[in-house]
Amino acid sequence: MLVLASTSPRRRELLQGLGIDFKIQVKDVPENFPPGMKASRVVELLSERKARAVAVELNEGLVIGSDTIVTYNDEILGKPEDSGHAKEMLKKLQGTYHYVYSGVAVINAFSGKVAVSHQCTRVKIKPLTDNEIDKYIASGEPKGKAGAYAIQGIASLFIEGIEGCYFNVVGLPIKRLADLLKEFDYDVLESVVNQRSQKSGVSSQNEGF
């Protein structure tokens, strides 16, 4: 059993797109971290914290935790507190490159085994006018998004280039997650193929009636 310790619609959609069977269970955790901590370590710390908070409440299953942040000139940009904060972030990011870090943690709720990793992607946003930024903020999309934008949404109009994993920017580095799950003897490809075969078999039987 896979358990996603996140309410993020993006992460849920990415897993659903693979055809993986999973359930969602979350627990509120503090998202603070020590001053000066590297971005790569921050996302790993928070991902593990989210997964662990859920794992301790279960008797079995592989719990997946993830966290995403944006950095600009080594400054960590989390989720905007309000419209003014979102505009401040976007004015920094427009016309230049920044980095997106996503951490992912997997915990076996029964054994307590933990595997944690992260991925980094370089993204360039085109130069934006204040009017474009204001219109984007008015759309509501920046709310709750690290760096105040969603690459898979309206902000796709602003993306000039990306170096690295696209899914990492969306919020869940799929390949990195699959690599971690293999450490728990869970093969994503094999699981997906088996599930689809079973569903296909059930459909065929139903058509016989």
C-alpha atoms as a PDB file:
ATOM      1  CA  MET A   1       0.000   0.000   0.000  1.00  0.00           C
ATOM      2  CA  LEU A   2       1.261   3.444  -0.965  1.00  0.00           C
ATOM      3  CA  VAL A   3       0.256   6.477   1.074  1.00  0.00           C
ATOM      4  CA  LEU A   4       0.787  10.035  -0.153  1.00  0.00           C
ATOM      5  CA  ALA A   5       1.335  12.385   2.793  1.00  0.00           C
ATOM      6  CA  SER A   6       0.304  15.464   0.830  1.00  0.00           C
ATOM      7  CA  THR A   7      -2.865  17.318  -0.121  1.00  0.00           C
ATOM      8  CA  SER A   8      -1.194  18.828  -3.196  1.00  0.00           C
ATOM      9  CA  PRO A   9      -3.454  18.343  -6.238  1.00  0.00           C
ATOM     10  CA  ARG A  10      -0.338  18.365  -8.459  1.00  0.00           C
ATOM     11  CA  ARG A  11       1.322  15.472  -6.641  1.00  0.00           C
ATOM     12  CA  ARG A  12      -1.923  13.532  -6.593  1.00  0.00           C
ATOM     13  CA  GLU A  13      -2.406  14.041 -10.333  1.00  0.00           C
ATOM     14  CA  LEU A  14       1.152  12.944 -11.117  1.00  0.00           C
ATOM     15  CA  LEU A  15       0.676   9.649  -9.286  1.00  0.00           C
ATOM     16  CA  GLN A  16      -2.771   9.149 -10.784  1.00  0.00           C
ATOM     17  CA  GLY A  17      -1.265   9.741 -14.222  1.00  0.00           C
ATOM     18  CA  LEU A  18       0.977   6.740 -13.692  1.00  0.00           C
ATOM     19  CA  GLY A  19      -1.951   4.594 -12.718  1.00  0.00           C
ATOM     20  CA  ILE A  20      -0.587   3.879  -9.246  1.00  0.00           C
ATOM     21  CA  ASP A  21      -3.036   2.812  -6.554  1.00  0.00           C
ATOM     22  CA  PHE A  22      -2.546   4.924  -3.440  1.00  0.00           C
ATOM     23  CA  LYS A  23      -4.412   6.686  -0.702  1.00  0.00           C
ATOM     24  CA  ILE A  24      -3.935  10.137   0.782  1.00  0.00           C
ATOM     25  CA  GLN A  25      -3.352  10.761   4.466  1.00  0.00           C
ATOM     26  CA  VAL A  26      -1.861  13.922   5.872  1.00  0.00           C
ATOM     27  CA  LYS A  27      -0.810  15.373   9.183  1.00  0.00           C
ATOM     28  CA  ASP A  28      -0.030  19.024   9.835  1.00  0.00           C
ATOM     29  CA  VAL A  29       3.649  19.540  10.604  1.00  0.00           C
ATOM     30  CA  PRO A  30       5.777  22.642  11.191  1.00  0.00           C
ATOM     31  CA  GLU A  31       7.628  23.784   8.079  1.00  0.00           C
ATOM     32  CA  ASN A  32      10.410  25.613   9.886  1.00  0.00           C
ATOM     33  CA  PHE A  33      14.077  24.795   9.404  1.00  0.00           C
ATOM     34  CA  PRO A  34      17.419  25.995  10.807  1.00  0.00           C
ATOM     35  CA  PRO A  35      18.777  29.299   9.424  1.00  0.00           C
ATOM     36  CA  GLY A  36      21.430  28.867   6.770  1.00  0.00           C
ATOM     37  CA  MET A  37      20.427  25.307   5.885  1.00  0.00           C
ATOM     38  CA  LYS A  38      21.044  24.432   2.232  1.00  0.00           C
ATOM     39  CA  ALA A  39      17.959  24.215   0.030  1.00  0.00           C
ATOM     40  CA  SER A  40      18.640  20.574  -0.826  1.00  0.00           C
ATOM     41  CA  ARG A  41      18.659  19.663   2.853  1.00  0.00           C
ATOM     42  CA  VAL A  42      15.584  21.779   3.606  1.00  0.00           C
ATOM     43  CA  VAL A  43      13.369  19.870   1.159  1.00  0.00           C
ATOM     44  CA  GLU A  44      14.704  16.543   2.404  1.00  0.00           C
ATOM     45  CA  LEU A  45      14.068  17.527   6.025  1.00  0.00           C
ATOM     46  CA  LEU A  46      10.516  18.694   5.383  1.00  0.00           C
ATOM     47  CA  SER A  47       9.691  15.731   3.126  1.00  0.00           C
ATOM     48  CA  GLU A  48      10.792  13.277   5.792  1.00  0.00           C
ATOM     49  CA  ARG A  49       8.947  15.199   8.488  1.00  0.00           C
ATOM     50  CA  LYS A  50       5.686  15.017   6.515  1.00  0.00           C
ATOM     51  CA  ALA A  51       6.083  11.306   5.788  1.00  0.00           C
ATOM     52  CA  ARG A  52       7.092  10.419   9.339  1.00  0.00           C
ATOM     53  CA  ALA A  53       4.105  12.235  10.862  1.00  0.00           C
ATOM     54  CA  VAL A  54       1.771   9.957   8.886  1.00  0.00           C
ATOM     55  CA  ALA A  55       3.852   6.774   9.143  1.00  0.00           C
ATOM     56  CA  VAL A  56       3.697   6.737  12.963  1.00  0.00           C
ATOM     57  CA  GLU A  57      -0.093   6.496  12.738  1.00  0.00           C
ATOM     58  CA  LEU A  58      -0.046   3.433  10.445  1.00  0.00           C
ATOM     59  CA  ASN A  59       0.795  -0.220  10.935  1.00  0.00           C
ATOM     60  CA  GLU A  60       1.872  -0.847   7.358  1.00  0.00           C
ATOM     61  CA  GLY A  61       2.418   0.762   3.975  1.00  0.00           C
ATOM     62  CA  LEU A  62       4.987   2.928   2.227  1.00  0.00           C
ATOM     63  CA  VAL A  63       4.430   6.585   3.068  1.00  0.00           C
ATOM     64  CA  ILE A  64       5.569   9.238   0.571  1.00  0.00           C
ATOM     65  CA  GLY A  65       6.376  12.758   1.690  1.00  0.00           C
ATOM     66  CA  SER A  66       7.484  15.612  -0.551  1.00  0.00           C
ATOM     67  CA  ASP A  67       8.285  19.305  -0.356  1.00  0.00           C
ATOM     68  CA  THR A  68       9.201  21.921  -2.971  1.00  0.00           C
ATOM     69  CA  ILE A  69      10.961  25.268  -2.698  1.00  0.00           C
ATOM     70  CA  VAL A  70      12.382  27.826  -5.109  1.00  0.00           C
ATOM     71  CA  THR A  71      15.727  29.570  -4.685  1.00  0.00           C
ATOM     72  CA  TYR A  72      16.963  32.791  -6.229  1.00  0.00           C
ATOM     73  CA  ASN A  73      20.536  33.904  -5.570  1.00  0.00           C
ATOM     74  CA  ASP A  74      20.636  31.379  -2.702  1.00  0.00           C
ATOM     75  CA  GLU A  75      17.515  32.932  -1.152  1.00  0.00           C
ATOM     76  CA  ILE A  76      14.815  30.400  -0.367  1.00  0.00           C
ATOM     77  CA  LEU A  77      11.388  31.372  -1.683  1.00  0.00           C
ATOM     78  CA  GLY A  78       8.548  29.375  -0.198  1.00  0.00           C
ATOM     79  CA  LYS A  79       4.823  29.999  -0.601  1.00  0.00           C
ATOM     80  CA  PRO A  80       3.732  33.653  -0.774  1.00  0.00           C
ATOM     81  CA  GLU A  81       2.037  35.019   2.319  1.00  0.00           C
ATOM     82  CA  ASP A  82      -0.160  37.404   0.322  1.00  0.00           C
ATOM     83  CA  SER A  83      -0.463  39.171  -3.044  1.00  0.00           C
ATOM     84  CA  GLY A  84       2.256  41.672  -2.199  1.00  0.00           C
ATOM     85  CA  HIS A  85       4.645  38.894  -1.265  1.00  0.00           C
ATOM     86  CA  ALA A  86       3.805  37.038  -4.491  1.00  0.00           C
ATOM     87  CA  LYS A  87       4.573  40.140  -6.541  1.00  0.00           C
ATOM     88  CA  GLU A  88       7.870  40.572  -4.735  1.00  0.00           C
ATOM     89  CA  MET A  89       8.850  37.005  -5.597  1.00  0.00           C
ATOM     90  CA  LEU A  90       7.810  37.215  -9.239  1.00  0.00           C
ATOM     91  CA  LYS A  91       9.674  40.493  -9.758  1.00  0.00           C
ATOM     92  CA  LYS A  92      12.828  38.716  -8.558  1.00  0.00           C
ATOM     93  CA  LEU A  93      12.315  35.676 -10.771  1.00  0.00           C
ATOM     94  CA  GLN A  94      11.275  37.399 -13.999  1.00  0.00           C
ATOM     95  CA  GLY A  95      13.904  37.742 -16.687  1.00  0.00           C
ATOM     96  CA  THR A  96      16.388  35.370 -15.098  1.00  0.00           C
ATOM     97  CA  TYR A  97      17.148  31.834 -13.947  1.00  0.00           C
ATOM     98  CA  HIS A  98      16.234  30.286 -10.635  1.00  0.00           C
ATOM     99  CA  TYR A  99      16.341  26.809  -9.111  1.00  0.00           C
ATOM    100  CA  VAL A 100      13.535  24.549  -7.966  1.00  0.00           C
ATOM    101  CA  TYR A 101      14.265  21.882  -5.354  1.00  0.00           C
ATOM    102  CA  SER A 102      11.892  19.049  -4.520  1.00  0.00           C
ATOM    103  CA  GLY A 103      12.576  16.559  -1.796  1.00  0.00           C
ATOM    104  CA  VAL A 104      10.996  13.134  -1.559  1.00  0.00           C
ATOM    105  CA  ALA A 105      10.976  10.715   1.356  1.00  0.00           C
ATOM    106  CA  VAL A 106       9.662   7.172   1.622  1.00  0.00           C
ATOM    107  CA  ILE A 107       9.076   5.475   4.975  1.00  0.00           C
ATOM    108  CA  ASN A 108       8.003   1.902   5.623  1.00  0.00           C
ATOM    109  CA  ALA A 109       5.376   2.332   8.329  1.00  0.00           C
ATOM    110  CA  PHE A 110       5.947  -1.210   9.624  1.00  0.00           C
ATOM    111  CA  SER A 111       9.756  -1.419   9.722  1.00  0.00           C
ATOM    112  CA  GLY A 112      10.580   2.268  10.042  1.00  0.00           C
ATOM    113  CA  LYS A 113      13.041   2.114   7.148  1.00  0.00           C
ATOM    114  CA  VAL A 114      13.595   5.544   5.584  1.00  0.00           C
ATOM    115  CA  ALA A 115      14.940   6.672   2.198  1.00  0.00           C
ATOM    116  CA  VAL A 116      15.267  10.363   1.362  1.00  0.00           C
ATOM    117  CA  SER A 117      16.524  12.259  -1.684  1.00  0.00           C
ATOM    118  CA  HIS A 118      15.992  15.442  -3.682  1.00  0.00           C
ATOM    119  CA  GLN A 119      16.187  16.824  -7.189  1.00  0.00           C
ATOM    120  CA  CYS A 120      17.037  20.246  -8.584  1.00  0.00           C
ATOM    121  CA  THR A 121      15.825  21.879 -11.803  1.00  0.00           C
ATOM    122  CA  ARG A 122      16.958  25.160 -13.361  1.00  0.00           C
ATOM    123  CA  VAL A 123      14.158  27.328 -14.748  1.00  0.00           C
ATOM    124  CA  LYS A 124      14.141  30.607 -16.661  1.00  0.00           C
ATOM    125  CA  ILE A 125      11.170  32.972 -16.634  1.00  0.00           C
ATOM    126  CA  LYS A 126      10.898  35.575 -19.391  1.00  0.00           C
ATOM    127  CA  PRO A 127      10.957  39.296 -18.550  1.00  0.00           C
ATOM    128  CA  LEU A 128       7.559  40.332 -17.182  1.00  0.00           C
ATOM    129  CA  THR A 129       5.944  43.730 -16.901  1.00  0.00           C
ATOM    130  CA  ASP A 130       4.253  44.835 -13.682  1.00  0.00           C
ATOM    131  CA  ASN A 131       0.944  44.581 -15.519  1.00  0.00           C
ATOM    132  CA  GLU A 132       1.592  40.943 -16.463  1.00  0.00           C
ATOM    133  CA  ILE A 133       2.574  40.120 -12.899  1.00  0.00           C
ATOM    134  CA  ASP A 134      -0.533  41.824 -11.513  1.00  0.00           C
ATOM    135  CA  LYS A 135      -2.799  39.959 -13.943  1.00  0.00           C
ATOM    136  CA  TYR A 136      -1.181  36.649 -13.047  1.00  0.00           C
ATOM    137  CA  ILE A 137      -1.590  37.281  -9.322  1.00  0.00           C
ATOM    138  CA  ALA A 138      -5.224  38.247  -9.920  1.00  0.00           C
ATOM    139  CA  SER A 139      -5.787  34.787 -11.434  1.00  0.00           C
ATOM    140  CA  GLY A 140      -5.217  33.305  -7.989  1.00  0.00           C
ATOM    141  CA  GLU A 141      -2.748  30.741  -9.263  1.00  0.00           C
ATOM    142  CA  PRO A 142       0.291  31.922  -7.222  1.00  0.00           C
ATOM    143  CA  LYS A 143      -1.489  31.202  -3.932  1.00  0.00           C
ATOM    144  CA  GLY A 144       0.048  28.230  -2.141  1.00  0.00           C
ATOM    145  CA  LYS A 145       2.768  27.754  -4.782  1.00  0.00           C
ATOM    146  CA  ALA A 146       6.472  27.792  -4.022  1.00  0.00           C
ATOM    147  CA  GLY A 147       7.999  30.781  -5.792  1.00  0.00           C
ATOM    148  CA  ALA A 148       4.467  32.101  -6.466  1.00  0.00           C
ATOM    149  CA  TYR A 149       3.943  30.259  -9.754  1.00  0.00           C
ATOM    150  CA  ALA A 150       2.742  26.944 -11.162  1.00  0.00           C
ATOM    151  CA  ILE A 151       4.692  25.762 -14.205  1.00  0.00           C
ATOM    152  CA  GLN A 152       1.850  23.497 -15.346  1.00  0.00           C
ATOM    153  CA  GLY A 153      -0.699  26.310 -15.222  1.00  0.00           C
ATOM    154  CA  ILE A 154      -0.967  29.843 -16.566  1.00  0.00           C
ATOM    155  CA  ALA A 155       2.689  30.418 -15.713  1.00  0.00           C
ATOM    156  CA  SER A 156       3.608  28.088 -18.574  1.00  0.00           C
ATOM    157  CA  LEU A 157       3.181  31.212 -20.725  1.00  0.00           C
ATOM    158  CA  PHE A 158       6.209  32.717 -18.974  1.00  0.00           C
ATOM    159  CA  ILE A 159       8.672  29.802 -19.099  1.00  0.00           C
ATOM    160  CA  GLU A 160      11.579  30.398 -21.486  1.00  0.00           C
ATOM    161  CA  GLY A 161      13.679  27.404 -20.558  1.00  0.00           C
ATOM    162  CA  ILE A 162      14.058  24.471 -18.206  1.00  0.00           C
ATOM    163  CA  GLU A 163      17.104  22.337 -17.444  1.00  0.00           C
ATOM    164  CA  GLY A 164      16.323  19.144 -15.596  1.00  0.00           C
ATOM    165  CA  CYS A 165      13.195  17.306 -14.509  1.00  0.00           C
ATOM    166  CA  TYR A 166       9.903  19.040 -15.363  1.00  0.00           C
ATOM    167  CA  PHE A 167       7.943  16.958 -12.833  1.00  0.00           C
ATOM    168  CA  ASN A 168      10.312  18.158 -10.150  1.00  0.00           C
ATOM    169  CA  VAL A 169       9.067  21.709 -10.772  1.00  0.00           C
ATOM    170  CA  VAL A 170       5.460  20.547 -10.662  1.00  0.00           C
ATOM    171  CA  GLY A 171       6.200  19.184  -7.191  1.00  0.00           C
ATOM    172  CA  LEU A 172       7.176  15.512  -7.326  1.00  0.00           C
ATOM    173  CA  PRO A 173      10.298  14.123  -9.061  1.00  0.00           C
ATOM    174  CA  ILE A 174       8.737  10.948 -10.430  1.00  0.00           C
ATOM    175  CA  LYS A 175      11.925   9.139 -11.454  1.00  0.00           C
ATOM    176  CA  ARG A 176      13.595   9.921  -8.136  1.00  0.00           C
ATOM    177  CA  LEU A 177      10.527   8.603  -6.310  1.00  0.00           C
ATOM    178  CA  ALA A 178      10.591   5.407  -8.374  1.00  0.00           C
ATOM    179  CA  ASP A 179      14.277   4.930  -7.523  1.00  0.00           C
ATOM    180  CA  LEU A 180      13.544   5.280  -3.808  1.00  0.00           C
ATOM    181  CA  LEU A 181      10.599   2.885  -3.953  1.00  0.00           C
ATOM    182  CA  LYS A 182      12.875   0.235  -5.462  1.00  0.00           C
ATOM    183  CA  GLU A 183      14.840   0.322  -2.217  1.00  0.00           C
ATOM    184  CA  PHE A 184      11.652  -1.033  -0.620  1.00  0.00           C
ATOM    185  CA  ASP A 185      11.224  -3.709  -3.332  1.00  0.00           C
ATOM    186  CA  TYR A 186       8.395  -1.744  -4.930  1.00  0.00           C
ATOM    187  CA  ASP A 187       8.818  -1.567  -8.699  1.00  0.00           C
ATOM    188  CA  VAL A 188       6.545   1.154 -10.068  1.00  0.00           C
ATOM    189  CA  LEU A 189       6.612  -0.077 -13.674  1.00  0.00           C
ATOM    190  CA  GLU A 190       5.848  -3.652 -12.690  1.00  0.00           C
ATOM    191  CA  SER A 191       3.080  -2.525 -10.340  1.00  0.00           C
ATOM    192  CA  VAL A 192       1.431  -0.341 -12.982  1.00  0.00           C
ATOM    193  CA  VAL A 193       1.594  -3.041 -15.655  1.00  0.00           C
ATOM    194  CA  ASN A 194       0.150  -5.655 -13.282  1.00  0.00           C
ATOM    195  CA  GLN A 195      -2.671  -3.375 -12.180  1.00  0.00           C
ATOM    196  CA  ARG A 196      -3.582  -2.541 -15.764  1.00  0.00           C
ATOM    197  CA  SER A 197      -3.496  -6.217 -16.733  1.00  0.00           C
ATOM    198  CA  GLN A 198      -5.810  -7.095 -13.857  1.00  0.00           C
ATOM    199  CA  LYS A 199      -8.221  -4.319 -14.775  1.00  0.00           C
ATOM    200  CA  SER A 200      -8.120  -5.379 -18.418  1.00  0.00           C
ATOM    201  CA  GLY A 201      -8.882  -8.949 -17.386  1.00  0.00           C
ATOM    202  CA  VAL A 202     -11.850  -7.852 -15.312  1.00  0.00           C
ATOM    203  CA  SER A 203     -13.189  -5.791 -18.220  1.00  0.00           C
ATOM    204  CA  SER A 204     -12.865  -8.743 -20.583  1.00  0.00           C
ATOM    205  CA  GLN A 205     -14.767 -11.003 -18.182  1.00  0.00           C
ATOM    206  CA  ASN A 206     -17.536  -8.442 -17.825  1.00  0.00           C
ATOM    207  CA  GLU A 207     -17.843  -8.140 -21.587  1.00  0.00           C
ATOM    208  CA  GLY A 208     -18.433 -11.891 -21.709  1.00  0.00           C
ATOM    209  CA  PHE A 209     -21.681 -11.439 -19.890  1.00  0.00           C
END
